[in-house]
Protein backbone atom coordinates (compact mmCIF):
# COMPACT_ATOMS: atom_id res chain seq x y z
CA UNK A 1 165.58 149.19 174.46
CA UNK A 2 162.40 148.22 175.90
CA UNK A 3 160.41 151.24 176.68
CA UNK A 4 161.07 152.29 173.05
CA UNK A 5 159.36 149.12 171.77
CA UNK A 6 157.06 149.63 174.24
CA UNK A 7 155.93 153.24 172.77
CA UNK A 8 156.22 152.19 169.39
CA UNK A 9 153.55 149.43 170.20
CA UNK A 10 151.23 151.66 171.91
CA UNK A 11 151.22 154.23 169.42
CA UNK A 12 150.34 151.71 166.85
CA UNK A 13 147.71 150.21 169.16
CA UNK A 14 146.42 153.99 170.06
CA UNK A 15 146.74 155.30 166.09
CA UNK A 16 143.56 155.83 163.97
CA UNK A 17 142.39 152.66 162.65
CA UNK A 18 141.98 152.88 158.97
CA UNK A 19 138.77 152.79 157.05
CA UNK A 20 138.56 149.86 154.19
CA UNK A 21 138.80 151.03 150.93
CA UNK A 22 136.03 150.55 149.20
CA UNK A 23 136.72 149.45 144.93
CA UNK A 24 134.39 149.19 142.33
CA UNK A 25 134.86 148.02 138.91
CA UNK A 26 133.51 148.98 135.56
CA UNK A 27 133.15 147.33 132.20
CA UNK A 28 133.22 149.93 129.81
CA UNK A 29 133.27 148.18 127.02
CA UNK A 30 129.86 146.63 128.33
CA UNK A 31 128.59 150.45 128.94
CA UNK A 32 129.78 151.42 125.34
CA UNK A 33 127.53 148.68 123.91
CA UNK A 34 124.53 148.13 126.10
CA UNK A 35 123.74 151.62 127.61
CA UNK A 36 120.59 153.35 125.98
CA UNK A 37 122.80 156.42 124.85
CA UNK A 38 125.10 154.00 122.86
CA UNK A 39 122.09 152.95 121.19
CA UNK A 40 120.85 155.93 120.67
CA UNK A 41 124.62 157.20 118.73
CA UNK A 42 124.34 154.30 116.74
CA UNK A 43 120.76 155.02 115.28
CA UNK A 44 121.40 158.43 115.05
CA UNK A 45 124.62 158.25 113.15
CA UNK A 46 123.11 155.18 111.14
CA UNK A 47 120.20 157.82 110.20
CA UNK A 48 122.52 160.45 109.60
CA UNK A 49 124.78 158.57 106.91
CA UNK A 50 122.02 156.25 105.17
CA UNK A 51 121.16 158.65 102.50
CA UNK A 52 124.64 159.05 101.74
CA UNK A 53 125.10 154.94 101.78
CA UNK A 54 122.02 154.84 99.22
CA UNK A 55 123.11 157.66 97.10
CA UNK A 56 126.84 155.49 97.09
CA UNK A 57 125.54 152.12 96.24
CA UNK A 58 123.36 153.56 93.64
CA UNK A 59 126.45 155.38 91.94
CA UNK A 60 128.29 151.72 92.47
CA UNK A 61 125.55 149.92 90.84
CA UNK A 62 125.63 152.71 87.81
CA UNK A 63 129.09 152.23 87.82
CA UNK A 64 128.83 148.25 86.97
CA UNK A 65 126.09 148.49 84.59
CA UNK A 66 128.71 150.57 82.34
CA UNK A 67 131.18 148.45 82.77
CA UNK A 68 128.85 145.40 81.85
CA UNK A 69 127.46 147.36 79.05
CA UNK A 70 131.13 148.36 77.72
CA UNK A 71 132.37 144.73 78.01
CA UNK A 72 129.59 143.69 76.28
CA UNK A 73 129.53 146.23 73.38
CA UNK A 74 133.37 146.58 73.01
CA UNK A 75 133.97 144.15 70.44
CA UNK A 76 131.68 145.42 68.41
CA UNK A 77 132.85 149.33 69.00
CA UNK A 78 135.66 151.58 66.82
CA UNK A 79 139.00 152.05 68.73
CA UNK A 80 138.59 155.34 69.28
CA UNK A 81 135.02 154.61 71.27
CA UNK A 82 136.68 151.98 73.18
CA UNK A 83 139.47 154.54 74.18
CA UNK A 84 136.58 157.19 75.05
CA UNK A 85 134.40 154.62 76.84
CA UNK A 86 137.80 153.19 78.87
CA UNK A 87 138.47 156.61 79.67
CA UNK A 88 134.89 157.81 81.14
CA UNK A 89 134.92 154.24 82.87
CA UNK A 90 138.15 155.25 84.64
CA UNK A 91 137.07 158.87 85.67
CA UNK A 92 133.60 157.68 86.95
CA UNK A 93 135.68 154.83 89.08
CA UNK A 94 137.86 157.24 90.57
CA UNK A 95 135.35 159.49 91.14
CA UNK A 96 133.22 156.93 92.69
CA UNK A 97 136.54 155.69 94.98
CA UNK A 98 137.25 159.46 95.83
CA UNK A 99 133.57 159.31 97.27
CA UNK A 100 133.67 156.20 99.08
CA UNK A 101 136.81 157.74 100.65
CA UNK A 102 135.17 160.82 101.53
CA UNK A 103 132.38 159.22 102.86
CA UNK A 104 134.23 157.24 104.99
CA UNK A 105 136.54 159.75 106.44
CA UNK A 106 133.28 161.76 107.47
CA UNK A 107 131.71 158.93 108.84
CA UNK A 108 134.68 158.05 111.13
CA UNK A 109 135.52 161.30 112.24
CA UNK A 110 131.84 161.85 112.99
CA UNK A 111 131.77 158.18 114.93
CA UNK A 112 134.78 159.60 116.80
CA UNK A 113 133.12 162.86 118.07
CA UNK A 114 130.09 161.14 119.12
CA UNK A 115 132.22 158.14 121.02
CA UNK A 116 134.12 161.10 122.74
CA UNK A 117 130.73 162.68 123.76
CA UNK A 118 129.36 159.32 125.32
CA UNK A 119 132.26 158.36 127.01
CA UNK A 120 131.90 161.74 128.72
CA UNK A 121 128.53 160.90 129.54
CA UNK A 122 129.75 157.56 130.65
CA UNK A 123 132.67 158.78 133.01
CA UNK A 124 130.10 161.58 134.12
CA UNK A 125 128.12 158.41 135.32
CA UNK A 126 130.15 156.62 136.71
CA UNK A 127 132.05 159.51 138.91
CA UNK A 128 128.46 160.19 140.16
CA UNK A 129 127.50 156.75 141.23
CA UNK A 130 131.13 155.94 142.62
CA UNK A 131 130.68 159.27 145.33
CA UNK A 132 126.95 158.64 145.80
CA UNK A 133 127.91 155.00 147.00
CA UNK A 134 130.93 156.58 148.14
CA UNK A 135 133.55 154.51 146.46
CA UNK A 136 136.92 155.87 146.77
CA UNK A 137 138.38 153.56 143.67
CA UNK A 138 136.84 152.71 140.17
CA UNK A 139 138.64 150.45 138.01
CA UNK A 140 138.21 149.74 134.43
CA UNK A 141 140.47 148.65 131.39
CA UNK A 142 143.30 146.52 132.24
CA UNK A 143 142.04 144.87 135.12
CA UNK A 144 143.39 141.36 135.23
CA UNK A 145 141.03 139.90 138.01
CA UNK A 146 137.93 141.33 139.82
CA UNK A 147 135.62 139.22 142.17
CA UNK A 148 132.08 139.93 140.82
CA UNK A 149 131.22 141.58 144.01
CA UNK A 150 133.23 144.30 142.95
CA UNK A 151 131.91 144.91 139.15
CA UNK A 152 129.56 147.82 139.61
CA UNK A 153 128.85 147.97 135.95
CA UNK A 154 124.79 146.90 136.06
CA UNK A 155 124.42 149.84 138.65
CA UNK A 156 126.21 152.12 136.33
CA UNK A 157 123.91 150.99 133.30
CA UNK A 158 120.62 151.06 135.40
CA UNK A 159 121.77 155.02 135.99
CA UNK A 160 122.36 155.47 132.36
CA UNK A 161 119.08 153.84 131.36
CA UNK A 162 117.40 156.21 134.32
CA UNK A 163 118.80 159.49 132.93
CA UNK A 164 117.81 158.16 129.26
CA UNK A 165 114.63 157.67 129.85
CA UNK A 166 114.32 161.38 131.50
CA UNK A 167 116.27 162.53 128.35
CA UNK A 168 114.42 161.62 125.60
CA UNK A 169 111.89 164.31 125.02
CA UNK A 170 115.11 166.97 125.47
CA UNK A 171 117.03 165.35 123.02
CA UNK A 172 114.53 165.54 119.78
CA UNK A 173 113.28 168.89 121.22
CA UNK A 174 116.55 170.53 121.13
CA UNK A 175 117.21 169.97 117.12
CA UNK A 176 113.36 171.04 116.53
CA UNK A 177 113.80 174.23 118.44
CA UNK A 178 115.87 176.64 116.16
CA UNK A 179 114.07 175.93 113.03
CA UNK A 180 110.61 176.59 114.84
CA UNK A 181 111.98 180.41 115.67
CA UNK A 182 110.94 180.98 119.08
């Protein structure tokens, strides 16, 4: 019995030494808020949907003006005029509501598309950083506690910023290239 225990102890002592596992933690929400790519996406979406928002605001103002005029003029209108105006107001209101709903759906769809693309960029940067720094594991969402020394968010953000300063010349050129007809 003693020789077997001695052999086991010897085998454990002579076995390969496991290297320490290198773990990092990333605050994905911070990257989604603070990265230049996220800010560019927000600005792009804002610019893309601003004309439609202005159009809807103007339509809403026109609808309100018609409603106010109706309320002011209703006492002097004939029953037929009131019925006709009320019907027009209902139809205009329905049309406006449908346009708002369509706008919100389009905006949500575009935002989801851009968020998905942005998340892919962030994941690629986290993976690139983790491989370059030889991390064995990088965690995000759902971490209850992590020592600040494990947080690599600032380093990943710096990588995203570096890529952003190199990429702006390429981004505007891509949409402009097709109309210029090379």
